[in-house]
Amino acid sequence: MASHEEAFRAVMVAIKDQAEAIGAADHLNENTKAAALRDLAAAYRHLRGGAQPGGVSVDK
């Protein structure tokens, strides 16, 4: 079984690879690329423990 660090690293690499593939995809229109990158950004924020879109936390 993979350790937490190995799993974390694997997901981070997958997010990076997908973002690069989306950026290079000529067959996708700009709206589709933007939606896919938005979803990857949300996955990244969730993985890193950052603020989430629609969250109710208040930062000072």
N, C-alpha and C. Protein backbone atom coordinates (compact mmCIF):
# COMPACT_ATOMS: atom_id res chain seq x y z
N MET A 1 0.85 -1.18 0.00
CA MET A 1 0.00 0.00 0.00
C MET A 1 0.90 1.25 0.00
N ALA A 2 0.51 2.21 -0.78
CA ALA A 2 1.30 3.44 -0.91
C ALA A 2 1.15 4.30 0.35
N SER A 3 2.21 4.96 0.70
CA SER A 3 2.15 5.87 1.84
C SER A 3 1.39 7.13 1.44
N HIS A 4 1.04 7.90 2.44
CA HIS A 4 0.32 9.15 2.19
C HIS A 4 1.14 10.07 1.29
N GLU A 5 2.43 10.17 1.55
CA GLU A 5 3.29 11.05 0.76
C GLU A 5 3.37 10.60 -0.70
N GLU A 6 3.45 9.28 -0.92
CA GLU A 6 3.50 8.75 -2.28
C GLU A 6 2.19 9.03 -3.02
N ALA A 7 1.08 8.83 -2.34
CA ALA A 7 -0.22 9.09 -2.94
C ALA A 7 -0.39 10.57 -3.25
N PHE A 8 0.00 11.41 -2.31
CA PHE A 8 -0.07 12.86 -2.50
C PHE A 8 0.74 13.27 -3.72
N ARG A 9 1.96 12.78 -3.80
CA ARG A 9 2.85 13.11 -4.93
C ARG A 9 2.25 12.62 -6.25
N ALA A 10 1.68 11.43 -6.25
CA ALA A 10 1.09 10.87 -7.48
C ALA A 10 -0.08 11.72 -7.96
N VAL A 11 -0.91 12.18 -7.04
CA VAL A 11 -2.05 13.02 -7.43
C VAL A 11 -1.56 14.38 -7.93
N MET A 12 -0.57 14.95 -7.29
CA MET A 12 -0.02 16.23 -7.74
C MET A 12 0.56 16.10 -9.15
N VAL A 13 1.28 15.02 -9.42
CA VAL A 13 1.85 14.80 -10.75
C VAL A 13 0.73 14.64 -11.76
N ALA A 14 -0.32 13.91 -11.40
CA ALA A 14 -1.45 13.72 -12.32
C ALA A 14 -2.13 15.04 -12.64
N ILE A 15 -2.32 15.90 -11.65
CA ILE A 15 -2.93 17.22 -11.87
C ILE A 15 -2.06 18.04 -12.82
N LYS A 16 -0.76 18.05 -12.58
CA LYS A 16 0.17 18.79 -13.43
C LYS A 16 0.15 18.27 -14.86
N ASP A 17 0.18 16.94 -15.02
CA ASP A 17 0.17 16.34 -16.35
C ASP A 17 -1.12 16.67 -17.10
N GLN A 18 -2.24 16.60 -16.40
CA GLN A 18 -3.52 16.91 -17.03
C GLN A 18 -3.60 18.38 -17.44
N ALA A 19 -3.11 19.27 -16.59
CA ALA A 19 -3.13 20.70 -16.92
C ALA A 19 -2.28 20.97 -18.16
N GLU A 20 -1.12 20.33 -18.26
CA GLU A 20 -0.28 20.51 -19.44
C GLU A 20 -0.94 19.95 -20.68
N ALA A 21 -1.60 18.80 -20.56
CA ALA A 21 -2.28 18.19 -21.70
C ALA A 21 -3.44 19.07 -22.18
N ILE A 22 -4.17 19.64 -21.24
CA ILE A 22 -5.29 20.51 -21.61
C ILE A 22 -4.77 21.75 -22.32
N GLY A 23 -3.70 22.33 -21.82
CA GLY A 23 -3.12 23.51 -22.45
C GLY A 23 -2.65 23.26 -23.86
N ALA A 24 -2.18 22.05 -24.13
CA ALA A 24 -1.65 21.72 -25.45
C ALA A 24 -2.71 21.16 -26.39
N ALA A 25 -3.90 20.89 -25.90
CA ALA A 25 -4.95 20.27 -26.72
C ALA A 25 -5.54 21.27 -27.70
N ASP A 26 -5.28 21.06 -28.96
CA ASP A 26 -5.81 21.95 -29.99
C ASP A 26 -7.27 21.66 -30.33
N HIS A 27 -7.74 20.48 -30.00
CA HIS A 27 -9.10 20.09 -30.35
C HIS A 27 -10.15 20.60 -29.36
N LEU A 28 -9.72 21.21 -28.26
CA LEU A 28 -10.65 21.74 -27.27
C LEU A 28 -10.83 23.24 -27.47
N ASN A 29 -12.07 23.71 -27.33
CA ASN A 29 -12.28 25.16 -27.42
C ASN A 29 -11.90 25.81 -26.10
N GLU A 30 -11.84 27.11 -26.09
CA GLU A 30 -11.35 27.84 -24.91
C GLU A 30 -12.24 27.64 -23.69
N ASN A 31 -13.56 27.57 -23.90
CA ASN A 31 -14.46 27.38 -22.76
C ASN A 31 -14.26 26.01 -22.12
N THR A 32 -14.05 24.99 -22.93
CA THR A 32 -13.81 23.66 -22.41
C THR A 32 -12.49 23.60 -21.66
N LYS A 33 -11.46 24.24 -22.21
CA LYS A 33 -10.16 24.29 -21.52
C LYS A 33 -10.29 25.01 -20.18
N ALA A 34 -11.00 26.12 -20.17
CA ALA A 34 -11.16 26.90 -18.94
C ALA A 34 -11.90 26.08 -17.88
N ALA A 35 -12.94 25.37 -18.26
CA ALA A 35 -13.69 24.56 -17.31
C ALA A 35 -12.83 23.43 -16.75
N ALA A 36 -12.05 22.79 -17.61
CA ALA A 36 -11.19 21.70 -17.16
C ALA A 36 -10.11 22.22 -16.22
N LEU A 37 -9.51 23.36 -16.54
CA LEU A 37 -8.48 23.93 -15.68
C LEU A 37 -9.07 24.40 -14.35
N ARG A 38 -10.28 24.91 -14.38
CA ARG A 38 -10.96 25.30 -13.13
C ARG A 38 -11.16 24.08 -12.23
N ASP A 39 -11.57 22.97 -12.81
CA ASP A 39 -11.76 21.75 -12.03
C ASP A 39 -10.44 21.24 -11.47
N LEU A 40 -9.37 21.32 -12.25
CA LEU A 40 -8.06 20.90 -11.76
C LEU A 40 -7.57 21.81 -10.64
N ALA A 41 -7.85 23.10 -10.76
CA ALA A 41 -7.47 24.05 -9.71
C ALA A 41 -8.21 23.73 -8.42
N ALA A 42 -9.48 23.38 -8.52
CA ALA A 42 -10.25 23.01 -7.33
C ALA A 42 -9.68 21.74 -6.71
N ALA A 43 -9.29 20.78 -7.54
CA ALA A 43 -8.69 19.55 -7.02
C ALA A 43 -7.38 19.86 -6.31
N TYR A 44 -6.58 20.75 -6.88
CA TYR A 44 -5.31 21.16 -6.27
C TYR A 44 -5.56 21.82 -4.92
N ARG A 45 -6.51 22.77 -4.87
CA ARG A 45 -6.81 23.46 -3.61
C ARG A 45 -7.31 22.48 -2.55
N HIS A 46 -8.13 21.54 -2.97
CA HIS A 46 -8.66 20.55 -2.03
C HIS A 46 -7.52 19.68 -1.49
N LEU A 47 -6.64 19.26 -2.37
CA LEU A 47 -5.51 18.43 -1.97
C LEU A 47 -4.58 19.16 -1.02
N ARG A 48 -4.33 20.43 -1.28
CA ARG A 48 -3.41 21.22 -0.46
C ARG A 48 -4.07 21.74 0.81
N GLY A 49 -5.39 21.60 0.92
CA GLY A 49 -6.08 22.04 2.12
C GLY A 49 -6.40 23.53 2.12
N GLY A 50 -6.39 24.15 0.96
CA GLY A 50 -6.67 25.57 0.86
C GLY A 50 -8.16 25.88 0.86
N ALA A 51 -8.44 27.15 0.76
CA ALA A 51 -9.83 27.60 0.72
C ALA A 51 -10.52 27.03 -0.50
N GLN A 52 -11.77 26.65 -0.33
CA GLN A 52 -12.54 26.05 -1.40
C GLN A 52 -13.57 27.05 -1.93
N PRO A 53 -13.82 26.99 -3.25
CA PRO A 53 -14.88 27.86 -3.80
C PRO A 53 -16.21 27.56 -3.11
N GLY A 54 -16.89 28.59 -2.71
CA GLY A 54 -18.17 28.43 -2.03
C GLY A 54 -18.03 28.12 -0.56
N GLY A 55 -16.80 28.13 -0.06
CA GLY A 55 -16.58 27.85 1.36
C GLY A 55 -17.11 28.98 2.23
N VAL A 56 -17.28 28.68 3.49
CA VAL A 56 -17.84 29.67 4.41
C VAL A 56 -16.80 30.24 5.37
N SER A 57 -15.54 29.91 5.17
CA SER A 57 -14.51 30.43 6.06
C SER A 57 -14.23 31.91 5.75
N VAL A 58 -13.84 32.64 6.78
CA VAL A 58 -13.53 34.05 6.63
C VAL A 58 -12.06 34.25 6.96
N ASP A 59 -11.31 34.83 6.02
CA ASP A 59 -9.90 35.11 6.24
C ASP A 59 -9.75 36.55 6.68
N LYS A 60 -8.85 36.79 7.65
CA LYS A 60 -8.61 38.14 8.12
C LYS A 60 -7.41 38.72 7.46
